[in-house]
Amino acid sequence: MIGIALCCYGVSCGYHALGDWTRPSVYELVKNPRKFIDHETTISGVVGSDFAVMGIGYFQLVGDDGTSLTVLSSQGIPTVGERISVRGTLHQALAVSSRQMLLFVEASRSPIVPGKEDQH
């Protein structure tokens, strides 16, 4: 009985660790949005410019390669230049011909402490 419980725990830990290793980049969401639209995921990057429209806050999350994605903030706008991890859902906000505007709707966020990149 204890062996089965330990086996299940090991599989569970492995599954969660694999999820962290396969966390998509901002570039992957922008390059292949159909794979991620309407699915909750976590991405990391640096906070770029911020803005508000009709009292709703938005900011740009910039990936390591410079690709950016607009994030609809649910917790107030973070500090520009801060490195953060954001959990949320990708949505297609607008599509005209072959062009589209993507919006990542934030569910939660946490700062990234240097040296602890996989922190949620």
C-alpha atoms as a PDB file:
ATOM      1  CA  MET A   1       0.000   0.000   0.000  1.00  0.00           C
ATOM      2  CA  ILE A   2       2.799   2.422   0.890  1.00  0.00           C
ATOM      3  CA  GLY A   3       4.605   1.468  -2.328  1.00  0.00           C
ATOM      4  CA  ILE A   4       1.573   2.407  -4.433  1.00  0.00           C
ATOM      5  CA  ALA A   5       1.228   5.724  -2.629  1.00  0.00           C
ATOM      6  CA  LEU A   6       4.924   6.520  -3.163  1.00  0.00           C
ATOM      7  CA  CYS A   7       4.655   5.562  -6.830  1.00  0.00           C
ATOM      8  CA  CYS A   8       1.638   7.860  -7.328  1.00  0.00           C
ATOM      9  CA  TYR A   9       3.449  10.680  -5.527  1.00  0.00           C
ATOM     10  CA  GLY A  10       6.521  10.220  -7.747  1.00  0.00           C
ATOM     11  CA  VAL A  11       4.425  10.288 -10.930  1.00  0.00           C
ATOM     12  CA  SER A  12       2.602  13.395  -9.695  1.00  0.00           C
ATOM     13  CA  CYS A  13       5.876  15.201  -8.921  1.00  0.00           C
ATOM     14  CA  GLY A  14       7.274  14.211 -12.292  1.00  0.00           C
ATOM     15  CA  TYR A  15       4.163  15.490 -14.067  1.00  0.00           C
ATOM     16  CA  HIS A  16       4.308  18.860 -12.306  1.00  0.00           C
ATOM     17  CA  ALA A  17       8.052  19.196 -12.952  1.00  0.00           C
ATOM     18  CA  LEU A  18       7.518  18.403 -16.630  1.00  0.00           C
ATOM     19  CA  GLY A  19       4.869  21.142 -16.776  1.00  0.00           C
ATOM     20  CA  ASP A  20       7.438  23.651 -15.516  1.00  0.00           C
ATOM     21  CA  TRP A  21      10.078  22.517 -18.013  1.00  0.00           C
ATOM     22  CA  THR A  22       7.667  22.813 -20.912  1.00  0.00           C
ATOM     23  CA  ARG A  23       6.338  26.256 -19.949  1.00  0.00           C
ATOM     24  CA  PRO A  24       5.874  28.186 -23.208  1.00  0.00           C
ATOM     25  CA  SER A  25       7.758  31.375 -23.957  1.00  0.00           C
ATOM     26  CA  VAL A  26       6.091  34.636 -24.993  1.00  0.00           C
ATOM     27  CA  TYR A  27       7.437  33.956 -28.488  1.00  0.00           C
ATOM     28  CA  GLU A  28       5.724  30.530 -28.604  1.00  0.00           C
ATOM     29  CA  LEU A  29       2.351  32.045 -27.657  1.00  0.00           C
ATOM     30  CA  VAL A  30       2.651  34.789 -30.281  1.00  0.00           C
ATOM     31  CA  LYS A  31       4.051  32.506 -33.005  1.00  0.00           C
ATOM     32  CA  ASN A  32       1.541  29.674 -32.516  1.00  0.00           C
ATOM     33  CA  PRO A  33      -1.491  31.151 -30.717  1.00  0.00           C
ATOM     34  CA  ARG A  34      -3.995  28.499 -31.849  1.00  0.00           C
ATOM     35  CA  LYS A  35      -2.221  25.974 -29.641  1.00  0.00           C
ATOM     36  CA  PHE A  36      -2.733  28.168 -26.554  1.00  0.00           C
ATOM     37  CA  ILE A  37      -5.971  30.159 -27.101  1.00  0.00           C
ATOM     38  CA  ASP A  38      -8.508  29.563 -24.324  1.00  0.00           C
ATOM     39  CA  HIS A  39      -6.073  27.382 -22.329  1.00  0.00           C
ATOM     40  CA  GLU A  40      -4.596  28.531 -19.030  1.00  0.00           C
ATOM     41  CA  THR A  41      -0.801  28.641 -18.997  1.00  0.00           C
ATOM     42  CA  THR A  42       2.075  30.464 -17.311  1.00  0.00           C
ATOM     43  CA  ILE A  43       4.575  32.699 -19.088  1.00  0.00           C
ATOM     44  CA  SER A  44       7.511  34.757 -17.876  1.00  0.00           C
ATOM     45  CA  GLY A  45       9.156  37.944 -19.016  1.00  0.00           C
ATOM     46  CA  VAL A  46       9.973  41.550 -18.260  1.00  0.00           C
ATOM     47  CA  VAL A  47       7.283  44.182 -17.857  1.00  0.00           C
ATOM     48  CA  GLY A  48       7.430  46.645 -20.735  1.00  0.00           C
ATOM     49  CA  SER A  49       5.223  49.649 -21.322  1.00  0.00           C
ATOM     50  CA  ASP A  50       1.901  49.975 -19.544  1.00  0.00           C
ATOM     51  CA  PHE A  51      -1.319  51.772 -20.373  1.00  0.00           C
ATOM     52  CA  ALA A  52      -4.960  52.033 -19.335  1.00  0.00           C
ATOM     53  CA  VAL A  53      -8.117  52.152 -21.417  1.00  0.00           C
ATOM     54  CA  MET A  54     -11.354  53.198 -19.724  1.00  0.00           C
ATOM     55  CA  GLY A  55      -9.944  52.389 -16.289  1.00  0.00           C
ATOM     56  CA  ILE A  56      -8.650  48.925 -17.214  1.00  0.00           C
ATOM     57  CA  GLY A  57      -4.891  48.375 -16.897  1.00  0.00           C
ATOM     58  CA  TYR A  58      -2.747  46.647 -19.483  1.00  0.00           C
ATOM     59  CA  PHE A  59       0.980  46.050 -19.807  1.00  0.00           C
ATOM     60  CA  GLN A  60       3.383  44.503 -22.281  1.00  0.00           C
ATOM     61  CA  LEU A  61       5.192  41.346 -21.192  1.00  0.00           C
ATOM     62  CA  VAL A  62       8.453  41.070 -23.117  1.00  0.00           C
ATOM     63  CA  GLY A  63      10.109  37.683 -23.596  1.00  0.00           C
ATOM     64  CA  ASP A  64      13.845  37.015 -23.650  1.00  0.00           C
ATOM     65  CA  ASP A  65      13.933  37.412 -27.448  1.00  0.00           C
ATOM     66  CA  GLY A  66      12.096  40.760 -27.424  1.00  0.00           C
ATOM     67  CA  THR A  67       8.687  39.401 -28.449  1.00  0.00           C
ATOM     68  CA  SER A  68       5.905  41.140 -26.537  1.00  0.00           C
ATOM     69  CA  LEU A  69       2.352  40.249 -25.577  1.00  0.00           C
ATOM     70  CA  THR A  70      -0.356  42.494 -24.139  1.00  0.00           C
ATOM     71  CA  VAL A  71      -1.554  41.418 -20.687  1.00  0.00           C
ATOM     72  CA  LEU A  72      -4.889  42.505 -19.203  1.00  0.00           C
ATOM     73  CA  SER A  73      -4.045  43.126 -15.559  1.00  0.00           C
ATOM     74  CA  SER A  74      -6.283  41.868 -12.772  1.00  0.00           C
ATOM     75  CA  GLN A  75      -3.972  42.972  -9.949  1.00  0.00           C
ATOM     76  CA  GLY A  76      -2.846  46.450 -10.931  1.00  0.00           C
ATOM     77  CA  ILE A  77       0.028  47.253 -13.219  1.00  0.00           C
ATOM     78  CA  PRO A  78       3.460  45.947 -12.175  1.00  0.00           C
ATOM     79  CA  THR A  79       6.610  48.048 -12.299  1.00  0.00           C
ATOM     80  CA  VAL A  80       8.186  48.536 -15.724  1.00  0.00           C
ATOM     81  CA  GLY A  81      11.396  46.479 -15.901  1.00  0.00           C
ATOM     82  CA  GLU A  82      10.262  43.947 -13.279  1.00  0.00           C
ATOM     83  CA  ARG A  83      10.767  40.272 -14.204  1.00  0.00           C
ATOM     84  CA  ILE A  84       7.541  38.373 -13.504  1.00  0.00           C
ATOM     85  CA  SER A  85       5.720  35.121 -14.098  1.00  0.00           C
ATOM     86  CA  VAL A  86       2.065  35.466 -15.152  1.00  0.00           C
ATOM     87  CA  ARG A  87      -0.584  32.746 -15.110  1.00  0.00           C
ATOM     88  CA  GLY A  88      -3.568  33.366 -17.355  1.00  0.00           C
ATOM     89  CA  THR A  89      -5.426  32.609 -20.552  1.00  0.00           C
ATOM     90  CA  LEU A  90      -4.606  33.694 -24.098  1.00  0.00           C
ATOM     91  CA  HIS A  91      -7.454  35.190 -26.140  1.00  0.00           C
ATOM     92  CA  GLN A  92      -7.728  36.498 -29.678  1.00  0.00           C
ATOM     93  CA  ALA A  93      -8.935  40.077 -29.157  1.00  0.00           C
ATOM     94  CA  LEU A  94      -9.155  41.090 -32.817  1.00  0.00           C
ATOM     95  CA  ALA A  95      -8.529  39.476 -36.193  1.00  0.00           C
ATOM     96  CA  VAL A  96      -8.477  41.319 -39.525  1.00  0.00           C
ATOM     97  CA  SER A  97      -7.384  39.319 -42.545  1.00  0.00           C
ATOM     98  CA  SER A  98      -4.077  37.660 -41.585  1.00  0.00           C
ATOM     99  CA  ARG A  99      -3.383  40.070 -38.712  1.00  0.00           C
ATOM    100  CA  GLN A 100      -4.522  39.478 -35.185  1.00  0.00           C
ATOM    101  CA  MET A 101      -4.284  41.050 -31.751  1.00  0.00           C
ATOM    102  CA  LEU A 102      -3.699  38.664 -28.884  1.00  0.00           C
ATOM    103  CA  LEU A 103      -4.572  39.412 -25.277  1.00  0.00           C
ATOM    104  CA  PHE A 104      -3.307  37.432 -22.286  1.00  0.00           C
ATOM    105  CA  VAL A 105      -5.832  37.736 -19.442  1.00  0.00           C
ATOM    106  CA  GLU A 106      -4.018  37.545 -16.123  1.00  0.00           C
ATOM    107  CA  ALA A 107      -5.281  35.241 -13.366  1.00  0.00           C
ATOM    108  CA  SER A 108      -2.276  35.586 -11.040  1.00  0.00           C
ATOM    109  CA  ARG A 109       1.329  36.778 -11.062  1.00  0.00           C
ATOM    110  CA  SER A 110       4.488  36.525  -9.048  1.00  0.00           C
ATOM    111  CA  PRO A 111       7.889  38.195  -9.193  1.00  0.00           C
ATOM    112  CA  ILE A 112      10.829  36.122 -10.367  1.00  0.00           C
ATOM    113  CA  VAL A 113      13.685  36.052  -7.912  1.00  0.00           C
ATOM    114  CA  PRO A 114      17.084  35.883  -9.664  1.00  0.00           C
ATOM    115  CA  GLY A 115      18.413  32.327  -9.493  1.00  0.00           C
ATOM    116  CA  LYS A 116      14.926  30.870  -8.968  1.00  0.00           C
ATOM    117  CA  GLU A 117      13.512  31.052 -12.518  1.00  0.00           C
ATOM    118  CA  ASP A 118      10.939  28.266 -12.046  1.00  0.00           C
ATOM    119  CA  GLN A 119       9.158  30.008  -9.173  1.00  0.00           C
ATOM    120  CA  HIS A 120       5.352  30.368  -9.644  1.00  0.00           C
END
